[in-house]
Amino acid sequence: MTQLETIGVVGAGAWGTALAQMLGSDGRDVLLWAYEPEVVAAINAEHRNPLYLPSAVLTPQIRATGNLADLAAVKTVLVVTPAQVLGRVLSGLASAPRDLVLCSKGIEAGTGRMMFDVASEAAPQSAIAVLSGPTFAHEVAAGLPTAVTLACGGGAAQWDRLAPAIARPTFRPYYSDDVIGAEIGGAVKNVLAIACGVVDGLGLGQNARAALIARGFSEMLRFGENLGARGETLSGLCGLGDLVLTCSSTSSRNFSLGKALGEGASAASLMADRRTVAEGAHTAPVLAELAAKRGVAMPIVSGVDAILRGEDARKVVAALLARPLKAERDVPA
């Protein structure tokens, strides 16, 4: 890929806008598709996205569009739509051989499919990669140092194309060919971040949060390895790294949702009032169902699902603490 070749970003929420800002930081032209006409207008006229990333002054290298057909000739496209609409949006993108980099973290409700499978069906001529890791959008947009996993379904040849296009001095991708591991890490950590937010909202302390992160990571490993992911992938940036970040800050939408639930707000009111998507709320029920079907013990994930369905958070936590005592490593898969 040459330095002058335009790169595309589909989805102009906070994360998509931050990625576009990062990609345009070296002078590359970036074509950013946005769903909302007002976002397109603001980015093109004011170099701002007041709806989703108001803190950032955007580089003029970014041009916004509301027409997916404008990306027809773009060979590298980062897809940053909410997980539940990814397939529908990709179906509207012109079918042409290209590199698609999936930056959405979740599992499709109703089908239980990972984003890689959704994208492979919607864009069969494309080579699919997954970008995942510990990333807060406002920090990436500000040019603060960030490292991510870039898992390439097309192997080393795809990495050789994508790494020069995506890497920047403060944005460092690391190669993997474990796409399923990268996807599971991103999807499961969103649910666990809700759980950590609940702990914070209930005022249960730092000890409880640390314990939940550790035991939640065990659940992530069990589920991932059951689906064929590698443990070293989940122990890296896209698993443990992302988990630690999103379980520790109200900058995480999932953590903030959990905190509000722990403080007594209802899930229905919180989800209805949110413009930005807390993906873990959509992932929790399908993840809990998949784990049960595969015989994978994920009690924290099941607890989050129960709270989102309206069960009392304190009772759910009490039930988790009342589980039978056992060895830390001797947990059935």
C-alpha atoms as a PDB file:
ATOM      1  CA  MET A   1       0.000   0.000   0.000  1.00  0.00           C
ATOM      2  CA  THR A   2       1.319   3.420  -0.871  1.00  0.00           C
ATOM      3  CA  GLN A   3       1.366   6.323   1.537  1.00  0.00           C
ATOM      4  CA  LEU A   4      -1.175   8.227  -0.548  1.00  0.00           C
ATOM      5  CA  GLU A   5      -3.843   5.529  -0.769  1.00  0.00           C
ATOM      6  CA  THR A   6      -7.067   6.444   0.999  1.00  0.00           C
ATOM      7  CA  ILE A   7      -8.158   4.301   3.904  1.00  0.00           C
ATOM      8  CA  GLY A   8     -11.811   3.892   4.874  1.00  0.00           C
ATOM      9  CA  VAL A   9     -13.567   3.802   8.237  1.00  0.00           C
ATOM     10  CA  VAL A  10     -17.185   2.658   8.490  1.00  0.00           C
ATOM     11  CA  GLY A  11     -18.845   4.011  11.616  1.00  0.00           C
ATOM     12  CA  ALA A  12     -18.358   7.479  13.115  1.00  0.00           C
ATOM     13  CA  GLY A  13     -19.046   6.841  16.768  1.00  0.00           C
ATOM     14  CA  ALA A  14     -16.351   7.749  19.267  1.00  0.00           C
ATOM     15  CA  TRP A  15     -14.127   4.773  18.393  1.00  0.00           C
ATOM     16  CA  GLY A  16     -14.517   5.076  14.623  1.00  0.00           C
ATOM     17  CA  THR A  17     -13.819   8.807  14.759  1.00  0.00           C
ATOM     18  CA  ALA A  18     -10.747   8.247  16.937  1.00  0.00           C
ATOM     19  CA  LEU A  19      -9.402   5.645  14.520  1.00  0.00           C
ATOM     20  CA  ALA A  20      -9.970   8.010  11.599  1.00  0.00           C
ATOM     21  CA  GLN A  21      -8.105  10.734  13.471  1.00  0.00           C
ATOM     22  CA  MET A  22      -5.211   8.393  14.182  1.00  0.00           C
ATOM     23  CA  LEU A  23      -5.050   7.162  10.588  1.00  0.00           C
ATOM     24  CA  GLY A  24      -5.035  10.708   9.222  1.00  0.00           C
ATOM     25  CA  SER A  25      -2.281  11.843  11.563  1.00  0.00           C
ATOM     26  CA  ASP A  26       0.475  11.122   9.021  1.00  0.00           C
ATOM     27  CA  GLY A  27      -1.247  12.914   6.138  1.00  0.00           C
ATOM     28  CA  ARG A  28      -3.167   9.955   4.746  1.00  0.00           C
ATOM     29  CA  ASP A  29      -6.641  10.713   3.369  1.00  0.00           C
ATOM     30  CA  VAL A  30      -9.384   9.012   5.383  1.00  0.00           C
ATOM     31  CA  LEU A  31     -12.951   8.500   4.168  1.00  0.00           C
ATOM     32  CA  LEU A  32     -15.279   8.136   7.168  1.00  0.00           C
ATOM     33  CA  TRP A  33     -18.830   6.836   6.750  1.00  0.00           C
ATOM     34  CA  ALA A  34     -21.353   8.109   9.300  1.00  0.00           C
ATOM     35  CA  TYR A  35     -24.970   7.096   9.773  1.00  0.00           C
ATOM     36  CA  GLU A  36     -26.177  10.490  11.003  1.00  0.00           C
ATOM     37  CA  PRO A  37     -26.322  13.341   8.436  1.00  0.00           C
ATOM     38  CA  GLU A  38     -25.541  15.869  11.164  1.00  0.00           C
ATOM     39  CA  VAL A  39     -22.295  14.047  11.969  1.00  0.00           C
ATOM     40  CA  VAL A  40     -21.278  14.096   8.292  1.00  0.00           C
ATOM     41  CA  ALA A  41     -21.986  17.807   8.105  1.00  0.00           C
ATOM     42  CA  ALA A  42     -20.119  18.677  11.306  1.00  0.00           C
ATOM     43  CA  ILE A  43     -17.008  16.698  10.396  1.00  0.00           C
ATOM     44  CA  ASN A  44     -16.785  18.209   6.915  1.00  0.00           C
ATOM     45  CA  ALA A  45     -17.611  21.797   7.893  1.00  0.00           C
ATOM     46  CA  GLU A  46     -16.120  22.099  11.384  1.00  0.00           C
ATOM     47  CA  HIS A  47     -13.659  19.187  11.667  1.00  0.00           C
ATOM     48  CA  ARG A  48     -15.480  18.021  14.773  1.00  0.00           C
ATOM     49  CA  ASN A  49     -17.808  15.225  15.830  1.00  0.00           C
ATOM     50  CA  PRO A  50     -19.798  16.965  18.579  1.00  0.00           C
ATOM     51  CA  LEU A  51     -22.199  14.036  18.934  1.00  0.00           C
ATOM     52  CA  TYR A  52     -19.683  11.298  19.767  1.00  0.00           C
ATOM     53  CA  LEU A  53     -16.181  12.751  20.284  1.00  0.00           C
ATOM     54  CA  PRO A  54     -16.593  16.437  21.131  1.00  0.00           C
ATOM     55  CA  SER A  55     -13.145  16.781  22.701  1.00  0.00           C
ATOM     56  CA  ALA A  56     -11.220  16.198  19.461  1.00  0.00           C
ATOM     57  CA  VAL A  57     -10.347  18.709  16.750  1.00  0.00           C
ATOM     58  CA  LEU A  58     -10.184  16.472  13.693  1.00  0.00           C
ATOM     59  CA  THR A  59      -7.555  16.564  10.992  1.00  0.00           C
ATOM     60  CA  PRO A  60      -8.752  17.959   7.638  1.00  0.00           C
ATOM     61  CA  GLN A  61      -7.509  14.696   6.082  1.00  0.00           C
ATOM     62  CA  ILE A  62     -10.808  13.167   7.214  1.00  0.00           C
ATOM     63  CA  ARG A  63     -13.729  13.472   4.807  1.00  0.00           C
ATOM     64  CA  ALA A  64     -17.111  12.213   5.995  1.00  0.00           C
ATOM     65  CA  THR A  65     -19.829  10.689   3.848  1.00  0.00           C
ATOM     66  CA  GLY A  66     -23.258   9.226   4.397  1.00  0.00           C
ATOM     67  CA  ASN A  67     -23.093   7.089   1.264  1.00  0.00           C
ATOM     68  CA  LEU A  68     -21.463   3.661   1.544  1.00  0.00           C
ATOM     69  CA  ALA A  69     -21.052   3.600  -2.237  1.00  0.00           C
ATOM     70  CA  ASP A  70     -18.323   6.236  -1.849  1.00  0.00           C
ATOM     71  CA  LEU A  71     -16.109   3.524  -0.326  1.00  0.00           C
ATOM     72  CA  ALA A  72     -16.474   1.188  -3.303  1.00  0.00           C
ATOM     73  CA  ALA A  73     -12.898   1.638  -4.516  1.00  0.00           C
ATOM     74  CA  VAL A  74     -11.232   1.789  -1.079  1.00  0.00           C
ATOM     75  CA  LYS A  75      -9.040  -1.273  -0.564  1.00  0.00           C
ATOM     76  CA  THR A  76      -8.635  -1.123   3.220  1.00  0.00           C
ATOM     77  CA  VAL A  77     -11.676  -0.439   5.405  1.00  0.00           C
ATOM     78  CA  LEU A  78     -11.909  -0.440   9.193  1.00  0.00           C
ATOM     79  CA  VAL A  79     -15.421  -1.429  10.300  1.00  0.00           C
ATOM     80  CA  VAL A  80     -16.456   0.211  13.558  1.00  0.00           C
ATOM     81  CA  THR A  81     -20.246  -0.139  13.603  1.00  0.00           C
ATOM     82  CA  PRO A  82     -22.111  -1.541  16.618  1.00  0.00           C
ATOM     83  CA  ALA A  83     -21.771  -5.317  16.586  1.00  0.00           C
ATOM     84  CA  GLN A  84     -25.495  -5.945  16.159  1.00  0.00           C
ATOM     85  CA  VAL A  85     -25.716  -4.048  12.857  1.00  0.00           C
ATOM     86  CA  LEU A  86     -22.368  -5.064  11.363  1.00  0.00           C
ATOM     87  CA  GLY A  87     -23.805  -7.608   8.937  1.00  0.00           C
ATOM     88  CA  ARG A  88     -26.488  -5.238   7.694  1.00  0.00           C
ATOM     89  CA  VAL A  89     -24.013  -2.407   7.123  1.00  0.00           C
ATOM     90  CA  LEU A  90     -21.505  -4.633   5.338  1.00  0.00           C
ATOM     91  CA  SER A  91     -24.260  -5.909   3.058  1.00  0.00           C
ATOM     92  CA  GLY A  92     -24.635  -2.328   1.838  1.00  0.00           C
ATOM     93  CA  LEU A  93     -20.930  -1.987   1.061  1.00  0.00           C
ATOM     94  CA  ALA A  94     -20.011  -2.695  -2.551  1.00  0.00           C
ATOM     95  CA  SER A  95     -18.817  -6.277  -2.951  1.00  0.00           C
ATOM     96  CA  ALA A  96     -15.177  -6.088  -3.992  1.00  0.00           C
ATOM     97  CA  PRO A  97     -11.935  -7.731  -2.885  1.00  0.00           C
ATOM     98  CA  ARG A  98     -10.513  -5.682  -0.016  1.00  0.00           C
ATOM     99  CA  ASP A  99      -9.099  -5.906   3.487  1.00  0.00           C
ATOM    100  CA  LEU A 100     -11.787  -5.489   6.136  1.00  0.00           C
ATOM    101  CA  VAL A 101     -10.544  -4.791   9.656  1.00  0.00           C
ATOM    102  CA  LEU A 102     -13.246  -5.475  12.243  1.00  0.00           C
ATOM    103  CA  CYS A 103     -13.059  -3.128  15.227  1.00  0.00           C
ATOM    104  CA  SER A 104     -16.437  -3.971  16.783  1.00  0.00           C
ATOM    105  CA  LYS A 105     -16.483  -6.211  19.864  1.00  0.00           C
ATOM    106  CA  GLY A 106     -19.447  -8.474  20.414  1.00  0.00           C
ATOM    107  CA  ILE A 107     -21.450 -11.567  19.492  1.00  0.00           C
ATOM    108  CA  GLU A 108     -24.453 -11.392  17.186  1.00  0.00           C
ATOM    109  CA  ALA A 109     -27.704 -11.790  19.113  1.00  0.00           C
ATOM    110  CA  GLY A 110     -29.998 -14.474  17.787  1.00  0.00           C
ATOM    111  CA  THR A 111     -27.296 -16.395  15.926  1.00  0.00           C
ATOM    112  CA  GLY A 112     -24.394 -16.528  18.408  1.00  0.00           C
ATOM    113  CA  ARG A 113     -21.976 -15.725  15.586  1.00  0.00           C
ATOM    114  CA  MET A 114     -18.699 -13.918  16.090  1.00  0.00           C
ATOM    115  CA  MET A 115     -18.110 -10.805  14.001  1.00  0.00           C
ATOM    116  CA  PHE A 116     -15.598 -12.634  11.777  1.00  0.00           C
ATOM    117  CA  ASP A 117     -18.313 -15.091  10.709  1.00  0.00           C
ATOM    118  CA  VAL A 118     -20.848 -12.307  10.190  1.00  0.00           C
ATOM    119  CA  ALA A 119     -18.419 -10.355   8.018  1.00  0.00           C
ATOM    120  CA  SER A 120     -17.294 -13.417   6.065  1.00  0.00           C
ATOM    121  CA  GLU A 121     -20.876 -14.080   5.010  1.00  0.00           C
ATOM    122  CA  ALA A 122     -21.712 -10.439   4.252  1.00  0.00           C
ATOM    123  CA  ALA A 123     -18.453  -9.740   2.367  1.00  0.00           C
ATOM    124  CA  PRO A 124     -17.202 -13.097   1.049  1.00  0.00           C
ATOM    125  CA  GLN A 125     -14.647 -11.565  -1.325  1.00  0.00           C
ATOM    126  CA  SER A 126     -12.836  -9.705   1.440  1.00  0.00           C
ATOM    127  CA  ALA A 127      -9.926 -10.751   3.630  1.00  0.00           C
ATOM    128  CA  ILE A 128     -10.978 -10.308   7.262  1.00  0.00           C
ATOM    129  CA  ALA A 129      -8.831  -9.119  10.164  1.00  0.00           C
ATOM    130  CA  VAL A 130      -9.725  -8.215  13.748  1.00  0.00           C
ATOM    131  CA  LEU A 131      -8.295  -5.227  15.614  1.00  0.00           C
ATOM    132  CA  SER A 132      -8.731  -5.418  19.382  1.00  0.00           C
ATOM    133  CA  GLY A 133      -7.003  -4.265  22.528  1.00  0.00           C
ATOM    134  CA  PRO A 134      -7.035  -1.797  25.440  1.00  0.00           C
ATOM    135  CA  THR A 135      -8.251   1.380  23.772  1.00  0.00           C
ATOM    136  CA  PHE A 136     -10.167   4.390  25.020  1.00  0.00           C
ATOM    137  CA  ALA A 137     -11.256   6.457  22.031  1.00  0.00           C
ATOM    138  CA  HIS A 138     -10.410   9.865  23.477  1.00  0.00           C
ATOM    139  CA  GLU A 139      -6.830   8.779  24.208  1.00  0.00           C
ATOM    140  CA  VAL A 140      -6.286   7.393  20.695  1.00  0.00           C
ATOM    141  CA  ALA A 141      -7.705  10.587  19.198  1.00  0.00           C
ATOM    142  CA  ALA A 142      -5.320  12.620  21.355  1.00  0.00           C
ATOM    143  CA  GLY A 143      -2.325  10.658  20.053  1.00  0.00           C
ATOM    144  CA  LEU A 144      -1.514   8.961  23.364  1.00  0.00           C
ATOM    145  CA  PRO A 145       0.486   5.685  23.137  1.00  0.00           C
ATOM    146  CA  THR A 146      -1.674   2.645  22.385  1.00  0.00           C
ATOM    147  CA  ALA A 147      -0.937  -0.986  21.525  1.00  0.00           C
ATOM    148  CA  VAL A 148      -3.407  -3.450  20.003  1.00  0.00           C
ATOM    149  CA  THR A 149      -3.654  -6.945  18.581  1.00  0.00           C
ATOM    150  CA  LEU A 150      -4.179  -7.170  14.823  1.00  0.00           C
ATOM    151  CA  ALA A 151      -5.367 -10.718  14.163  1.00  0.00           C
ATOM    152  CA  CYS A 152      -5.246 -11.499  10.458  1.00  0.00           C
ATOM    153  CA  GLY A 153      -7.469 -14.197   9.022  1.00  0.00           C
ATOM    154  CA  GLY A 154      -5.368 -13.917   5.876  1.00  0.00           C
ATOM    155  CA  GLY A 155      -2.190 -14.699   7.792  1.00  0.00           C
ATOM    156  CA  ALA A 156       1.196 -13.059   7.354  1.00  0.00           C
ATOM    157  CA  ALA A 157       0.449 -11.800   3.833  1.00  0.00           C
ATOM    158  CA  GLN A 158      -2.482  -9.776   5.114  1.00  0.00           C
ATOM    159  CA  TRP A 159      -0.384  -8.475   8.015  1.00  0.00           C
ATOM    160  CA  ASP A 160       2.244  -7.287   5.525  1.00  0.00           C
ATOM    161  CA  ARG A 161      -0.449  -5.220   3.788  1.00  0.00           C
ATOM    162  CA  LEU A 162      -2.191  -3.907   6.887  1.00  0.00           C
ATOM    163  CA  ALA A 163       0.601  -3.170   9.344  1.00  0.00           C
ATOM    164  CA  PRO A 164       2.097  -0.269   7.327  1.00  0.00           C
ATOM    165  CA  ALA A 165      -1.391   1.137   6.721  1.00  0.00           C
ATOM    166  CA  ILE A 166      -2.455   1.073  10.376  1.00  0.00           C
ATOM    167  CA  ALA A 167       0.699   1.538  12.466  1.00  0.00           C
ATOM    168  CA  ARG A 168       1.581   5.050  13.605  1.00  0.00           C
ATOM    169  CA  PRO A 169       4.273   6.288  16.013  1.00  0.00           C
ATOM    170  CA  THR A 170       1.807   6.171  18.935  1.00  0.00           C
ATOM    171  CA  PHE A 171      -0.420   3.336  17.651  1.00  0.00           C
ATOM    172  CA  ARG A 172       1.370  -0.014  17.648  1.00  0.00           C
ATOM    173  CA  PRO A 173      -0.283  -3.205  16.336  1.00  0.00           C
ATOM    174  CA  TYR A 174       1.041  -6.662  17.235  1.00  0.00           C
ATOM    175  CA  TYR A 175       0.504  -9.570  14.850  1.00  0.00           C
ATOM    176  CA  SER A 176      -1.607 -12.630  15.551  1.00  0.00           C
ATOM    177  CA  ASP A 177      -3.323 -15.224  13.384  1.00  0.00           C
ATOM    178  CA  ASP A 178      -5.695 -16.207  16.220  1.00  0.00           C
ATOM    179  CA  VAL A 179      -8.814 -14.414  15.049  1.00  0.00           C
ATOM    180  CA  ILE A 180     -11.175 -16.295  17.359  1.00  0.00           C
ATOM    181  CA  GLY A 181      -9.001 -15.420  20.364  1.00  0.00           C
ATOM    182  CA  ALA A 182      -9.001 -11.736  19.491  1.00  0.00           C
ATOM    183  CA  GLU A 183     -12.773 -11.757  19.059  1.00  0.00           C
ATOM    184  CA  ILE A 184     -13.519 -13.641  22.267  1.00  0.00           C
ATOM    185  CA  GLY A 185     -11.263 -11.404  24.327  1.00  0.00           C
ATOM    186  CA  GLY A 186     -13.059  -8.270  23.148  1.00  0.00           C
ATOM    187  CA  ALA A 187     -16.560  -9.702  23.537  1.00  0.00           C
ATOM    188  CA  VAL A 188     -16.147 -11.298  26.973  1.00  0.00           C
ATOM    189  CA  LYS A 189     -14.308  -8.359  28.548  1.00  0.00           C
ATOM    190  CA  ASN A 190     -17.303  -6.103  27.817  1.00  0.00           C
ATOM    191  CA  VAL A 191     -19.535  -8.312  29.961  1.00  0.00           C
ATOM    192  CA  LEU A 192     -16.947  -8.528  32.728  1.00  0.00           C
ATOM    193  CA  ALA A 193     -16.597  -4.733  32.692  1.00  0.00           C
ATOM    194  CA  ILE A 194     -20.314  -4.481  33.492  1.00  0.00           C
ATOM    195  CA  ALA A 195     -19.724  -6.823  36.423  1.00  0.00           C
ATOM    196  CA  CYS A 196     -16.872  -4.653  37.722  1.00  0.00           C
ATOM    197  CA  GLY A 197     -19.075  -1.595  37.390  1.00  0.00           C
ATOM    198  CA  VAL A 198     -21.754  -3.332  39.469  1.00  0.00           C
ATOM    199  CA  VAL A 199     -19.153  -4.043  42.170  1.00  0.00           C
ATOM    200  CA  ASP A 200     -18.209  -0.363  42.170  1.00  0.00           C
ATOM    201  CA  GLY A 201     -21.816   0.783  42.227  1.00  0.00           C
ATOM    202  CA  LEU A 202     -22.550  -1.470  45.189  1.00  0.00           C
ATOM    203  CA  GLY A 203     -19.518  -0.094  47.035  1.00  0.00           C
ATOM    204  CA  LEU A 204     -17.933  -3.518  47.507  1.00  0.00           C
ATOM    205  CA  GLY A 205     -14.348  -2.266  47.375  1.00  0.00           C
ATOM    206  CA  GLN A 206     -11.113  -2.759  45.476  1.00  0.00           C
ATOM    207  CA  ASN A 207     -10.505  -6.296  46.791  1.00  0.00           C
ATOM    208  CA  ALA A 208     -13.767  -7.446  45.233  1.00  0.00           C
ATOM    209  CA  ARG A 209     -12.960  -5.766  41.932  1.00  0.00           C
ATOM    210  CA  ALA A 210      -9.529  -7.397  41.741  1.00  0.00           C
ATOM    211  CA  ALA A 211     -11.009 -10.787  42.560  1.00  0.00           C
ATOM    212  CA  LEU A 212     -13.670 -10.341  39.911  1.00  0.00           C
ATOM    213  CA  ILE A 213     -11.106  -9.412  37.250  1.00  0.00           C
ATOM    214  CA  ALA A 214      -9.045 -12.505  38.058  1.00  0.00           C
ATOM    215  CA  ARG A 215     -11.985 -14.895  38.185  1.00  0.00           C
ATOM    216  CA  GLY A 216     -13.529 -13.262  35.123  1.00  0.00           C
ATOM    217  CA  PHE A 217     -10.311 -13.792  33.229  1.00  0.00           C
ATOM    218  CA  SER A 218     -10.556 -17.488  34.123  1.00  0.00           C
ATOM    219  CA  GLU A 219     -14.004 -17.530  32.545  1.00  0.00           C
ATOM    220  CA  MET A 220     -12.630 -15.841  29.427  1.00  0.00           C
ATOM    221  CA  LEU A 221      -9.878 -18.448  29.162  1.00  0.00           C
ATOM    222  CA  ARG A 222     -12.260 -21.382  29.627  1.00  0.00           C
ATOM    223  CA  PHE A 223     -14.700 -20.117  27.019  1.00  0.00           C
ATOM    224  CA  GLY A 224     -11.976 -19.156  24.555  1.00  0.00           C
ATOM    225  CA  GLU A 225     -10.118 -22.429  24.774  1.00  0.00           C
ATOM    226  CA  ASN A 226     -13.403 -24.319  24.383  1.00  0.00           C
ATOM    227  CA  LEU A 227     -13.894 -22.523  21.042  1.00  0.00           C
ATOM    228  CA  GLY A 228     -10.314 -23.076  19.907  1.00  0.00           C
ATOM    229  CA  ALA A 229      -8.694 -19.804  20.953  1.00  0.00           C
ATOM    230  CA  ARG A 230      -5.138 -19.833  22.242  1.00  0.00           C
ATOM    231  CA  GLY A 231      -4.424 -19.003  25.862  1.00  0.00           C
ATOM    232  CA  GLU A 232      -1.474 -16.780  24.969  1.00  0.00           C
ATOM    233  CA  THR A 233      -3.761 -14.641  22.807  1.00  0.00           C
ATOM    234  CA  LEU A 234      -6.211 -14.129  25.640  1.00  0.00           C
ATOM    235  CA  SER A 235      -3.328 -13.364  28.007  1.00  0.00           C
ATOM    236  CA  GLY A 236      -2.226 -10.529  25.729  1.00  0.00           C
ATOM    237  CA  LEU A 237      -3.498  -7.121  24.675  1.00  0.00           C
ATOM    238  CA  CYS A 238      -6.853  -8.208  23.257  1.00  0.00           C
ATOM    239  CA  GLY A 239      -7.785 -10.257  26.337  1.00  0.00           C
ATOM    240  CA  LEU A 240      -6.197  -9.471  29.678  1.00  0.00           C
ATOM    241  CA  GLY A 241      -4.956  -6.040  28.592  1.00  0.00           C
ATOM    242  CA  ASP A 242      -8.390  -4.912  27.435  1.00  0.00           C
ATOM    243  CA  LEU A 243     -10.031  -6.477  30.485  1.00  0.00           C
ATOM    244  CA  VAL A 244      -7.860  -4.543  32.941  1.00  0.00           C
ATOM    245  CA  LEU A 245      -8.512  -1.229  31.176  1.00  0.00           C
ATOM    246  CA  THR A 246     -12.275  -1.509  30.847  1.00  0.00           C
ATOM    247  CA  CYS A 247     -12.766  -2.886  34.357  1.00  0.00           C
ATOM    248  CA  SER A 248     -11.014   0.076  35.959  1.00  0.00           C
ATOM    249  CA  SER A 249     -12.495   3.307  34.613  1.00  0.00           C
ATOM    250  CA  THR A 250     -15.771   5.122  34.089  1.00  0.00           C
ATOM    251  CA  SER A 251     -14.412   6.009  30.637  1.00  0.00           C
ATOM    252  CA  SER A 252     -15.641   2.513  29.756  1.00  0.00           C
ATOM    253  CA  ARG A 253     -19.279   2.566  28.661  1.00  0.00           C
ATOM    254  CA  ASN A 254     -19.737  -0.985  29.949  1.00  0.00           C
ATOM    255  CA  PHE A 255     -18.237  -0.175  33.354  1.00  0.00           C
ATOM    256  CA  SER A 256     -20.425   2.940  33.591  1.00  0.00           C
ATOM    257  CA  LEU A 257     -23.518   0.897  32.768  1.00  0.00           C
ATOM    258  CA  GLY A 258     -22.648  -1.633  35.472  1.00  0.00           C
ATOM    259  CA  LYS A 259     -21.971   1.101  38.018  1.00  0.00           C
ATOM    260  CA  ALA A 260     -25.401   2.601  37.390  1.00  0.00           C
ATOM    261  CA  LEU A 261     -26.983  -0.859  37.745  1.00  0.00           C
ATOM    262  CA  GLY A 262     -25.182  -1.368  41.039  1.00  0.00           C
ATOM    263  CA  GLU A 263     -26.473   2.000  42.227  1.00  0.00           C
ATOM    264  CA  GLY A 264     -30.034   0.841  41.599  1.00  0.00           C
ATOM    265  CA  ALA A 265     -30.944   2.048  38.105  1.00  0.00           C
ATOM    266  CA  SER A 266     -32.918  -0.309  35.864  1.00  0.00           C
ATOM    267  CA  ALA A 267     -31.295  -1.823  32.792  1.00  0.00           C
ATOM    268  CA  ALA A 268     -34.247  -0.844  30.601  1.00  0.00           C
ATOM    269  CA  SER A 269     -34.035   2.839  31.502  1.00  0.00           C
ATOM    270  CA  LEU A 270     -30.249   2.922  31.101  1.00  0.00           C
ATOM    271  CA  MET A 271     -30.264   1.285  27.676  1.00  0.00           C
ATOM    272  CA  ALA A 272     -33.115   3.484  26.424  1.00  0.00           C
ATOM    273  CA  ASP A 273     -31.258   6.618  27.464  1.00  0.00           C
ATOM    274  CA  ARG A 274     -27.900   5.783  25.848  1.00  0.00           C
ATOM    275  CA  ARG A 275     -26.853   7.120  22.464  1.00  0.00           C
ATOM    276  CA  THR A 276     -23.538   5.274  22.653  1.00  0.00           C
ATOM    277  CA  VAL A 277     -23.671   1.491  22.803  1.00  0.00           C
ATOM    278  CA  ALA A 278     -22.572  -0.594  25.788  1.00  0.00           C
ATOM    279  CA  GLU A 279     -21.933  -3.748  23.757  1.00  0.00           C
ATOM    280  CA  GLY A 280     -21.689  -5.951  26.844  1.00  0.00           C
ATOM    281  CA  ALA A 281     -25.406  -5.568  27.488  1.00  0.00           C
ATOM    282  CA  HIS A 282     -26.157  -7.173  24.115  1.00  0.00           C
ATOM    283  CA  THR A 283     -23.398  -9.763  24.467  1.00  0.00           C
ATOM    284  CA  ALA A 284     -24.222 -11.004  27.984  1.00  0.00           C
ATOM    285  CA  PRO A 285     -27.391 -13.016  27.194  1.00  0.00           C
ATOM    286  CA  VAL A 286     -26.006 -14.678  24.073  1.00  0.00           C
ATOM    287  CA  LEU A 287     -22.674 -15.400  25.766  1.00  0.00           C
ATOM    288  CA  ALA A 288     -24.398 -16.935  28.789  1.00  0.00           C
ATOM    289  CA  GLU A 289     -26.499 -19.095  26.456  1.00  0.00           C
ATOM    290  CA  LEU A 290     -23.508 -20.218  24.403  1.00  0.00           C
ATOM    291  CA  ALA A 291     -21.522 -21.082  27.535  1.00  0.00           C
ATOM    292  CA  ALA A 292     -24.396 -23.140  28.916  1.00  0.00           C
ATOM    293  CA  LYS A 293     -24.808 -25.034  25.654  1.00  0.00           C
ATOM    294  CA  ARG A 294     -21.085 -25.835  25.545  1.00  0.00           C
ATOM    295  CA  GLY A 295     -20.877 -26.761  29.221  1.00  0.00           C
ATOM    296  CA  VAL A 296     -18.482 -23.926  30.079  1.00  0.00           C
ATOM    297  CA  ALA A 297     -18.756 -22.559  33.629  1.00  0.00           C
ATOM    298  CA  MET A 298     -19.166 -18.761  33.456  1.00  0.00           C
ATOM    299  CA  PRO A 299     -20.942 -17.775  36.688  1.00  0.00           C
ATOM    300  CA  ILE A 300     -19.946 -14.095  36.506  1.00  0.00           C
ATOM    301  CA  VAL A 301     -21.277 -13.783  32.956  1.00  0.00           C
ATOM    302  CA  SER A 302     -24.489 -15.529  34.038  1.00  0.00           C
ATOM    303  CA  GLY A 303     -24.741 -13.102  36.941  1.00  0.00           C
ATOM    304  CA  VAL A 304     -24.461 -10.093  34.648  1.00  0.00           C
ATOM    305  CA  ASP A 305     -27.144 -11.575  32.409  1.00  0.00           C
ATOM    306  CA  ALA A 306     -29.393 -12.007  35.441  1.00  0.00           C
ATOM    307  CA  ILE A 307     -28.891  -8.387  36.578  1.00  0.00           C
ATOM    308  CA  LEU A 308     -29.634  -7.114  33.068  1.00  0.00           C
ATOM    309  CA  ARG A 309     -32.859  -9.126  33.162  1.00  0.00           C
ATOM    310  CA  GLY A 310     -33.871  -7.318  36.338  1.00  0.00           C
ATOM    311  CA  GLU A 311     -32.610  -9.469  39.208  1.00  0.00           C
ATOM    312  CA  ASP A 312     -31.379  -7.645  42.300  1.00  0.00           C
ATOM    313  CA  ALA A 313     -27.642  -7.002  42.034  1.00  0.00           C
ATOM    314  CA  ARG A 314     -26.930  -7.661  45.712  1.00  0.00           C
ATOM    315  CA  LYS A 315     -28.698 -11.024  45.562  1.00  0.00           C
ATOM    316  CA  VAL A 316     -26.730 -12.000  42.462  1.00  0.00           C
ATOM    317  CA  VAL A 317     -23.448 -11.092  44.167  1.00  0.00           C
ATOM    318  CA  ALA A 318     -24.468 -13.007  47.297  1.00  0.00           C
ATOM    319  CA  ALA A 319     -25.206 -16.079  45.189  1.00  0.00           C
ATOM    320  CA  LEU A 320     -21.770 -15.863  43.559  1.00  0.00           C
ATOM    321  CA  LEU A 321     -20.085 -15.645  46.970  1.00  0.00           C
ATOM    322  CA  ALA A 322     -22.099 -18.651  48.202  1.00  0.00           C
ATOM    323  CA  ARG A 323     -20.846 -20.966  45.454  1.00  0.00           C
ATOM    324  CA  PRO A 324     -19.077 -24.134  46.703  1.00  0.00           C
ATOM    325  CA  LEU A 325     -15.448 -23.690  47.736  1.00  0.00           C
ATOM    326  CA  LYS A 326     -12.892 -25.240  45.393  1.00  0.00           C
ATOM    327  CA  ALA A 327      -9.300 -25.058  44.236  1.00  0.00           C
ATOM    328  CA  GLU A 328      -8.514 -21.948  42.203  1.00  0.00           C
ATOM    329  CA  ARG A 329      -7.371 -23.942  39.179  1.00  0.00           C
ATOM    330  CA  ASP A 330      -9.695 -26.897  39.603  1.00  0.00           C
ATOM    331  CA  VAL A 331     -12.747 -25.478  37.834  1.00  0.00           C
ATOM    332  CA  PRO A 332     -14.754 -27.641  35.409  1.00  0.00           C
ATOM    333  CA  ALA A 333     -14.759 -26.436  31.798  1.00  0.00           C
END
